[in-house]
Amino acid sequence: MSDLQHLLERAEVLLARIENHFPAPPLLPDWQNVNVSAFLWRKRNYRQGEFQAIYHPHRIRLQDLQGIEEQKQQIDRNTRQFLQKKPANNVLLWGSRGTGKSSLIKALLNEYSSQGLRLIEVEKHDLIDLPDIVEAFYDSSKRFIIFCDDLSFEKDDASYKALKSVLDGSISAPPNNVLIYATSNRRHLLPEYQHENLEAQMIDGEIHQGEAVDEKISLSERFGLWLSFYPFKQDEYLAIVRYWLKNLGIKNTAGEDIRRAALQWALKRGSRSGRSAWQFAQDWVGAK
């Protein structure tokens, strides 16, 4: 009997070691919970991934995002198509910092969470888990946007290949209730070098890119909708400043003192962006 007990104890130790290397699938949240619409995919003990509920998501509204009307209209239309179970595209939002790329995706959640939209934020270093993440959505009636913020990759990054596979390229079809919305300062998500353009060849009058350039373009091309964001012109920046000042209770926003201070604020930061406008308004109102 003692030998059997000893064997069982050793078997339990062995099973525990095996489970550490082959963790169980993540526990799924209650997707139907109307009070929780945003989640963060987070690694536990650097091995097991799980969906962590976000109980206090950013409450920015679509109407708060000024100066990007065309981009806002396109991504809003695409998202409504998705919620209505019509064809819709994965979206790449790329361009200058502080112009509203990430805020736009957060505002969509605020606008459509009551219609079944759920937002799953996945950090760049966890993108290698994308196949496991999307597997959790197959049997759900909700609609999921996987949010990847500030993406950029190095050439041999494994997470880059995982993203390519989920977007389009794996033998396994992704569930039709999932889209990927990603933001980046780079249009092609990977660093581009001058020497790579020298690999281009002219064949029968047609330009053929080198293999390195083709590889980089192949990832961004998997996003069906590209939205470009550029630095605001001075008048656009000042209009955003006035918008936020009014929201913070300032009635007279047309004063020359405000205009001069707002332009100096942007000059110091080297950026006329929506973020700079918001930060100036916070500073101006808080100092009064």
Protein backbone atom coordinates (compact mmCIF):
# COMPACT_ATOMS: atom_id res chain seq x y z
CA MET A 1 0.00 0.00 0.00
CA SER A 2 2.87 2.36 0.84
CA ASP A 3 4.40 1.72 -2.58
CA LEU A 4 1.13 2.67 -4.26
CA GLN A 5 0.89 5.87 -2.20
CA HIS A 6 4.45 6.78 -3.11
CA LEU A 7 3.71 6.16 -6.81
CA LEU A 8 0.60 8.38 -6.67
CA GLU A 9 2.55 11.20 -5.04
CA ARG A 10 5.24 11.02 -7.71
CA ALA A 11 2.56 11.00 -10.41
CA GLU A 12 1.00 14.16 -8.94
CA VAL A 13 4.38 15.91 -8.94
CA LEU A 14 4.95 14.89 -12.55
CA LEU A 15 1.50 16.14 -13.62
CA ALA A 16 2.13 19.47 -11.91
CA ARG A 17 5.35 19.90 -13.88
CA ILE A 18 3.63 19.01 -17.14
CA GLU A 19 0.80 21.48 -16.47
CA ASN A 20 3.34 24.26 -15.99
CA HIS A 21 4.55 23.69 -19.55
CA PHE A 22 1.10 23.06 -21.03
CA PRO A 23 -1.27 25.45 -19.23
CA ALA A 24 -5.03 25.04 -19.48
CA PRO A 25 -6.98 27.28 -21.88
CA PRO A 26 -7.80 30.73 -20.42
CA LEU A 27 -11.02 31.13 -18.49
CA LEU A 28 -13.47 33.14 -20.58
CA PRO A 29 -15.16 36.24 -19.18
CA ASP A 30 -18.91 36.70 -19.23
CA TRP A 31 -19.12 38.43 -22.60
CA GLN A 32 -22.82 39.13 -21.94
CA ASN A 33 -22.06 41.36 -18.94
CA VAL A 34 -23.26 44.81 -20.01
CA ASN A 35 -21.13 46.49 -17.34
CA VAL A 36 -17.83 45.28 -18.80
CA SER A 37 -17.08 45.88 -22.47
CA ALA A 38 -13.29 46.27 -22.50
CA PHE A 39 -10.62 43.69 -21.71
CA LEU A 40 -6.85 43.46 -21.66
CA TRP A 41 -5.08 40.25 -22.64
CA ARG A 42 -2.45 39.76 -19.95
CA LYS A 43 0.06 37.03 -19.26
CA ARG A 44 -0.02 35.40 -15.82
CA ASN A 45 3.40 34.33 -14.55
CA TYR A 46 4.66 34.98 -18.10
CA ARG A 47 3.00 31.75 -19.26
CA GLN A 48 -0.76 31.67 -18.95
CA GLY A 49 -2.76 34.35 -20.75
CA GLU A 50 -6.10 35.64 -19.50
CA PHE A 51 -8.71 38.27 -20.30
CA GLN A 52 -8.55 40.98 -17.65
CA ALA A 53 -11.72 43.06 -17.36
CA ILE A 54 -11.35 46.85 -17.61
CA TYR A 55 -13.96 48.36 -15.29
CA HIS A 56 -13.13 52.00 -15.99
CA PRO A 57 -12.42 52.42 -19.73
CA HIS A 58 -11.64 55.78 -21.27
CA ARG A 59 -14.96 57.57 -21.81
CA ILE A 60 -13.99 59.84 -24.70
CA ARG A 61 -16.79 60.42 -27.22
CA LEU A 62 -16.68 60.50 -31.01
CA GLN A 63 -17.88 64.10 -30.97
CA ASP A 64 -14.87 65.06 -28.83
CA LEU A 65 -12.46 64.16 -31.62
CA GLN A 66 -12.05 67.25 -33.73
CA GLY A 67 -10.17 67.84 -36.99
CA ILE A 68 -10.33 64.23 -38.19
CA GLU A 69 -13.85 64.13 -39.62
CA GLU A 70 -13.02 62.05 -42.68
CA GLN A 71 -11.13 59.40 -40.71
CA LYS A 72 -13.87 59.36 -38.09
CA GLN A 73 -16.58 58.89 -40.71
CA GLN A 74 -14.77 55.99 -42.40
CA ILE A 75 -13.97 53.98 -39.29
CA ASP A 76 -17.44 54.64 -37.85
CA ARG A 77 -19.05 53.34 -41.04
CA ASN A 78 -16.82 50.26 -41.05
CA THR A 79 -17.67 49.54 -37.41
CA ARG A 80 -21.41 49.88 -37.99
CA GLN A 81 -21.16 47.46 -40.90
CA PHE A 82 -19.37 45.03 -38.59
CA LEU A 83 -22.03 45.33 -35.88
CA GLN A 84 -24.75 44.77 -38.47
CA LYS A 85 -22.96 41.55 -39.55
CA LYS A 86 -22.16 43.02 -42.94
CA PRO A 87 -18.74 42.74 -44.61
CA ALA A 88 -16.16 44.98 -42.89
CA ASN A 89 -12.39 45.43 -42.92
CA ASN A 90 -9.51 45.29 -40.48
CA VAL A 91 -8.24 48.85 -40.02
CA LEU A 92 -4.76 50.36 -39.82
CA LEU A 93 -4.62 53.89 -38.42
CA TRP A 94 -1.19 55.35 -39.09
CA GLY A 95 0.45 58.74 -38.93
CA SER A 96 1.57 61.53 -36.64
CA ARG A 97 1.53 61.14 -32.88
CA GLY A 98 -1.21 62.76 -30.85
CA THR A 99 -3.68 63.08 -33.73
CA GLY A 100 -6.41 60.88 -32.28
CA LYS A 101 -5.68 57.38 -33.59
CA SER A 102 -6.01 55.50 -30.29
CA SER A 103 -8.72 57.84 -28.98
CA LEU A 104 -10.83 57.11 -32.04
CA ILE A 105 -10.90 53.38 -31.28
CA LYS A 106 -11.73 54.03 -27.61
CA ALA A 107 -14.54 56.35 -28.67
CA LEU A 108 -16.03 53.61 -30.86
CA LEU A 109 -16.31 51.36 -27.81
CA ASN A 110 -18.03 54.13 -25.88
CA GLU A 111 -20.44 54.61 -28.78
CA TYR A 112 -21.31 50.98 -29.53
CA SER A 113 -20.73 48.86 -26.43
CA SER A 114 -24.50 48.82 -25.82
CA GLN A 115 -24.89 47.20 -29.26
CA GLY A 116 -22.66 44.26 -28.36
CA LEU A 117 -19.22 45.63 -29.24
CA ARG A 118 -16.37 44.35 -27.09
CA LEU A 119 -12.80 45.71 -27.19
CA ILE A 120 -9.80 43.48 -26.46
CA GLU A 121 -6.49 45.31 -26.09
CA VAL A 122 -3.43 43.20 -26.89
CA GLU A 123 0.02 44.62 -26.31
CA LYS A 124 2.67 44.17 -28.97
CA HIS A 125 4.72 41.59 -27.07
CA ASP A 126 1.61 39.44 -26.59
CA LEU A 127 0.56 39.38 -30.25
CA ILE A 128 2.13 35.95 -30.56
CA ASP A 129 -0.93 34.74 -28.59
CA LEU A 130 -3.39 36.00 -31.22
CA PRO A 131 -4.36 32.51 -32.47
CA ASP A 132 -5.32 31.53 -28.90
CA ILE A 133 -7.15 34.81 -28.32
CA VAL A 134 -9.38 34.63 -31.39
CA GLU A 135 -10.18 30.99 -30.58
CA ALA A 136 -12.14 32.29 -27.58
CA PHE A 137 -14.59 34.21 -29.78
CA TYR A 138 -15.93 31.52 -32.12
CA ASP A 139 -18.99 30.64 -30.05
CA SER A 140 -19.90 34.15 -28.87
CA SER A 141 -22.73 36.28 -30.21
CA LYS A 142 -20.81 39.48 -29.41
CA ARG A 143 -18.64 41.40 -31.88
CA PHE A 144 -14.98 41.83 -30.96
CA ILE A 145 -12.39 44.39 -31.98
CA ILE A 146 -8.82 43.46 -31.12
CA PHE A 147 -7.03 46.74 -30.40
CA CYS A 148 -3.25 46.84 -31.04
CA ASP A 149 -1.81 50.23 -30.12
CA ASP A 150 1.39 51.83 -31.36
CA LEU A 151 2.59 48.89 -33.42
CA SER A 152 6.08 48.60 -34.83
CA PHE A 153 8.16 45.51 -35.46
CA GLU A 154 11.69 44.48 -36.07
CA LYS A 155 12.49 42.23 -39.02
CA ASP A 156 12.53 38.87 -37.22
CA ASP A 157 9.85 39.62 -34.63
CA ALA A 158 7.75 36.48 -34.02
CA SER A 159 4.67 38.50 -33.06
CA TYR A 160 4.77 40.14 -36.51
CA LYS A 161 4.26 36.75 -38.15
CA ALA A 162 1.42 35.88 -35.73
CA LEU A 163 -0.39 39.09 -36.71
CA LYS A 164 0.07 38.34 -40.42
CA SER A 165 -1.35 34.87 -39.93
CA VAL A 166 -4.50 36.02 -38.13
CA LEU A 167 -5.12 38.88 -40.56
CA ASP A 168 -4.91 36.70 -43.63
CA GLY A 169 -2.59 33.84 -44.31
CA SER A 170 -3.39 30.97 -42.00
CA ILE A 171 -5.14 27.78 -43.09
CA SER A 172 -7.53 28.37 -40.17
CA ALA A 173 -10.15 31.04 -40.92
CA PRO A 174 -10.55 33.69 -38.20
CA PRO A 175 -14.04 33.98 -36.69
CA ASN A 176 -16.32 36.39 -38.53
CA ASN A 177 -17.12 38.27 -35.31
CA VAL A 178 -13.56 39.64 -34.94
CA LEU A 179 -11.74 42.58 -36.49
CA ILE A 180 -8.30 44.01 -35.78
CA TYR A 181 -7.87 47.77 -35.39
CA ALA A 182 -4.20 48.77 -35.09
CA THR A 183 -2.43 52.11 -34.72
CA SER A 184 1.12 52.89 -35.76
CA ASN A 185 3.41 55.78 -36.60
CA ARG A 186 4.64 53.71 -39.57
CA ARG A 187 2.55 52.96 -42.60
CA HIS A 188 4.16 49.55 -43.14
CA LEU A 189 4.73 48.79 -39.41
CA LEU A 190 8.37 47.84 -40.00
CA PRO A 191 11.49 50.00 -40.31
CA GLU A 192 12.30 50.96 -43.88
CA TYR A 193 15.86 51.47 -45.09
CA GLN A 194 17.21 53.34 -48.08
CA HIS A 195 19.26 50.41 -49.35
CA GLU A 196 16.09 48.32 -49.70
CA ASN A 197 14.76 50.67 -52.37
CA LEU A 198 17.92 50.03 -54.38
CA GLU A 199 16.78 46.42 -54.81
CA ALA A 200 13.91 47.51 -57.07
CA GLN A 201 14.19 46.39 -60.69
CA MET A 202 12.70 47.62 -63.95
CA ILE A 203 11.34 44.70 -66.01
CA ASP A 204 9.66 45.52 -69.34
CA GLY A 205 8.98 49.02 -68.09
CA GLU A 206 7.33 47.79 -64.88
CA ILE A 207 8.81 48.48 -61.43
CA HIS A 208 9.29 45.38 -59.26
CA GLN A 209 10.06 45.99 -55.61
CA GLY A 210 12.82 44.06 -53.84
CA GLU A 211 11.95 41.15 -51.57
CA ALA A 212 12.57 43.17 -48.38
CA VAL A 213 10.12 45.90 -49.42
CA ASP A 214 7.55 43.34 -50.56
CA GLU A 215 7.73 41.61 -47.18
CA LYS A 216 7.05 44.84 -45.32
CA ILE A 217 4.21 45.92 -47.57
CA SER A 218 2.60 42.47 -47.27
CA LEU A 219 1.66 43.07 -43.61
CA SER A 220 0.03 46.47 -44.01
CA GLU A 221 -1.80 45.26 -47.14
CA ARG A 222 -3.65 42.73 -44.97
CA PHE A 223 -5.53 45.67 -43.45
CA GLY A 224 -8.41 46.43 -45.79
CA LEU A 225 -8.85 50.02 -44.61
CA TRP A 226 -5.97 52.47 -44.17
CA LEU A 227 -6.60 55.75 -42.36
CA SER A 228 -3.87 58.40 -42.51
CA PHE A 229 -3.37 61.05 -39.80
CA TYR A 230 -1.30 64.18 -40.38
CA PRO A 231 -0.21 67.10 -38.17
CA PHE A 232 -2.91 69.73 -37.81
CA LYS A 233 -2.63 73.10 -39.47
CA GLN A 234 -2.52 76.09 -37.15
CA ASP A 235 -6.19 77.00 -37.57
CA GLU A 236 -7.23 73.38 -36.97
CA TYR A 237 -5.12 73.18 -33.83
CA LEU A 238 -6.59 76.42 -32.46
CA ALA A 239 -10.13 75.20 -33.19
CA ILE A 240 -9.44 72.09 -31.10
CA VAL A 241 -8.03 74.27 -28.31
CA ARG A 242 -11.24 76.32 -28.28
CA TYR A 243 -13.38 73.17 -28.26
CA TRP A 244 -11.68 71.80 -25.15
CA LEU A 245 -11.66 75.15 -23.39
CA LYS A 246 -15.44 75.40 -23.87
CA ASN A 247 -15.86 71.85 -22.56
CA LEU A 248 -13.89 72.85 -19.48
CA GLY A 249 -16.11 75.87 -18.81
CA ILE A 250 -14.32 78.78 -20.51
CA LYS A 251 -16.93 80.95 -22.24
CA ASN A 252 -14.71 83.44 -24.07
CA THR A 253 -12.15 81.41 -26.04
CA ALA A 254 -11.41 83.97 -28.77
CA GLY A 255 -8.98 86.13 -26.79
CA GLU A 256 -5.57 86.96 -28.21
CA ASP A 257 -3.95 85.87 -24.95
CA ILE A 258 -5.36 82.35 -25.40
CA ARG A 259 -4.28 82.21 -29.04
CA ARG A 260 -0.74 83.32 -28.27
CA ALA A 261 -0.36 80.97 -25.31
CA ALA A 262 -1.74 78.00 -27.25
CA LEU A 263 0.69 78.53 -30.12
CA GLN A 264 3.63 78.86 -27.72
CA TRP A 265 2.52 75.64 -26.03
CA ALA A 266 2.56 73.77 -29.35
CA LEU A 267 5.89 75.30 -30.34
CA LYS A 268 7.56 74.10 -27.12
CA ARG A 269 6.33 70.57 -27.77
CA GLY A 270 7.11 70.60 -31.47
CA SER A 271 3.58 69.36 -32.24
CA ARG A 272 0.25 70.89 -33.21
CA SER A 273 -1.82 67.87 -32.26
CA GLY A 274 -5.10 67.11 -30.57
CA ARG A 275 -3.17 65.84 -27.58
CA SER A 276 -1.26 69.11 -27.29
CA ALA A 277 -4.52 71.07 -27.57
CA TRP A 278 -6.09 69.03 -24.77
CA GLN A 279 -3.03 69.41 -22.55
CA PHE A 280 -2.94 73.16 -23.12
CA ALA A 281 -6.63 73.49 -22.24
CA GLN A 282 -6.07 71.48 -19.04
CA ASP A 283 -3.15 73.72 -18.09
CA TRP A 284 -4.93 76.98 -18.96
CA VAL A 285 -8.12 76.16 -17.05
CA GLY A 286 -6.28 74.62 -14.10
CA ALA A 287 -4.12 77.73 -13.68
CA LYS A 288 -7.11 80.07 -13.51
